[in-house]
Amino acid sequence: MGLNLNILSMFALVALSGIVVNNSIILVATIERRRAELEENDIPLIAERALAEGNPGYPVPRLMNQAECESLLRKLLQQTNYL
């Protein structure tokens, strides 16, 4: 490609890879914390928001209604022992 890779470029690559790893760790910790805070009464609101945020312009029809989405969320959360 005709690009030079010097020592400064290598340091930058190492630094950027460290940032990516750090952000991944923070993201996983945040998801786990939020899942631990979930309660049974939060599920209908989560399902309602998920269905509302679906893209109405997308040509694939909606596959679930709110009740089915709530049921799926309950099953997933019970399997992971969060409820």
Protein backbone atom coordinates (compact mmCIF):
# COMPACT_ATOMS: atom_id res chain seq x y z
CA MET A 1 0.00 0.00 0.00
CA GLY A 2 2.99 2.25 0.21
CA LEU A 3 2.37 3.30 3.85
CA ASN A 4 5.25 3.58 6.28
CA LEU A 5 4.91 2.08 9.75
CA ASN A 6 7.30 3.80 12.13
CA ILE A 7 7.71 3.54 15.90
CA LEU A 8 5.27 6.38 16.57
CA SER A 9 2.62 4.62 14.48
CA MET A 10 3.16 1.43 16.46
CA PHE A 11 2.76 3.28 19.77
CA ALA A 12 -0.47 4.78 18.46
CA LEU A 13 -1.79 1.33 17.50
CA VAL A 14 -1.00 -0.05 20.95
CA ALA A 15 -2.69 2.93 22.62
CA LEU A 16 -5.80 2.61 20.46
CA SER A 17 -6.07 -1.10 21.14
CA GLY A 18 -5.88 -0.35 24.87
CA ILE A 19 -8.72 2.14 24.54
CA VAL A 20 -10.84 -0.42 22.69
CA VAL A 21 -10.24 -3.05 25.38
CA ASN A 22 -11.01 -0.57 28.17
CA ASN A 23 -14.25 0.52 26.50
CA SER A 24 -15.28 -3.12 26.05
CA ILE A 25 -14.72 -3.84 29.74
CA ILE A 26 -16.75 -0.78 30.74
CA LEU A 27 -19.56 -1.74 28.36
CA VAL A 28 -19.79 -5.30 29.72
CA ALA A 29 -19.76 -4.05 33.32
CA THR A 30 -22.52 -1.52 32.57
CA ILE A 31 -24.71 -4.14 30.89
CA GLU A 32 -24.28 -6.55 33.81
CA ARG A 33 -25.07 -3.81 36.34
CA ARG A 34 -28.22 -2.75 34.49
CA ARG A 35 -29.40 -6.34 34.11
CA ALA A 36 -28.93 -6.88 37.85
CA GLU A 37 -31.11 -3.82 38.52
CA LEU A 38 -34.02 -5.13 36.42
CA GLU A 39 -37.27 -5.91 38.14
CA GLU A 40 -40.35 -7.78 36.96
CA ASN A 41 -42.36 -4.57 36.56
CA ASP A 42 -39.72 -3.14 34.19
CA ILE A 43 -40.35 -5.79 31.52
CA PRO A 44 -43.53 -4.27 29.98
CA LEU A 45 -41.80 -0.89 29.62
CA ILE A 46 -38.74 -2.49 28.01
CA ALA A 47 -40.92 -4.42 25.56
CA GLU A 48 -42.96 -1.32 24.72
CA ARG A 49 -39.84 0.74 24.02
CA ALA A 50 -38.25 -2.03 21.96
CA LEU A 51 -41.32 -2.29 19.75
CA ALA A 52 -41.59 1.50 19.43
CA GLU A 53 -37.94 1.82 18.39
CA GLY A 54 -38.30 -0.72 15.60
CA ASN A 55 -37.83 0.86 12.21
CA PRO A 56 -41.30 1.25 10.63
CA GLY A 57 -39.72 1.77 7.21
CA TYR A 58 -37.99 -1.59 7.29
CA PRO A 59 -39.67 -3.93 4.78
CA VAL A 60 -39.73 -6.98 7.07
CA PRO A 61 -42.97 -7.29 9.05
CA ARG A 62 -42.92 -7.09 12.83
CA LEU A 63 -42.48 -10.60 14.19
CA MET A 64 -43.66 -10.02 17.77
CA ASN A 65 -46.32 -8.10 19.58
CA GLN A 66 -45.76 -6.61 23.02
CA ALA A 67 -47.02 -9.66 24.94
CA GLU A 68 -44.71 -12.00 23.02
CA CYS A 69 -41.77 -9.64 23.55
CA GLU A 70 -42.47 -9.51 27.31
CA SER A 71 -42.66 -13.30 27.43
CA LEU A 72 -39.31 -13.61 25.62
CA LEU A 73 -37.67 -11.09 27.99
CA ARG A 74 -38.96 -12.99 31.04
CA LYS A 75 -37.61 -16.29 29.69
CA LEU A 76 -34.20 -14.78 28.90
CA LEU A 77 -33.89 -13.11 32.27
CA GLN A 78 -34.92 -16.27 34.13
CA GLN A 79 -32.34 -18.31 32.24
CA THR A 80 -29.61 -15.87 33.30
CA ASN A 81 -30.91 -15.80 36.92
CA TYR A 82 -31.60 -12.07 36.94
CA LEU A 83 -35.25 -12.46 38.00
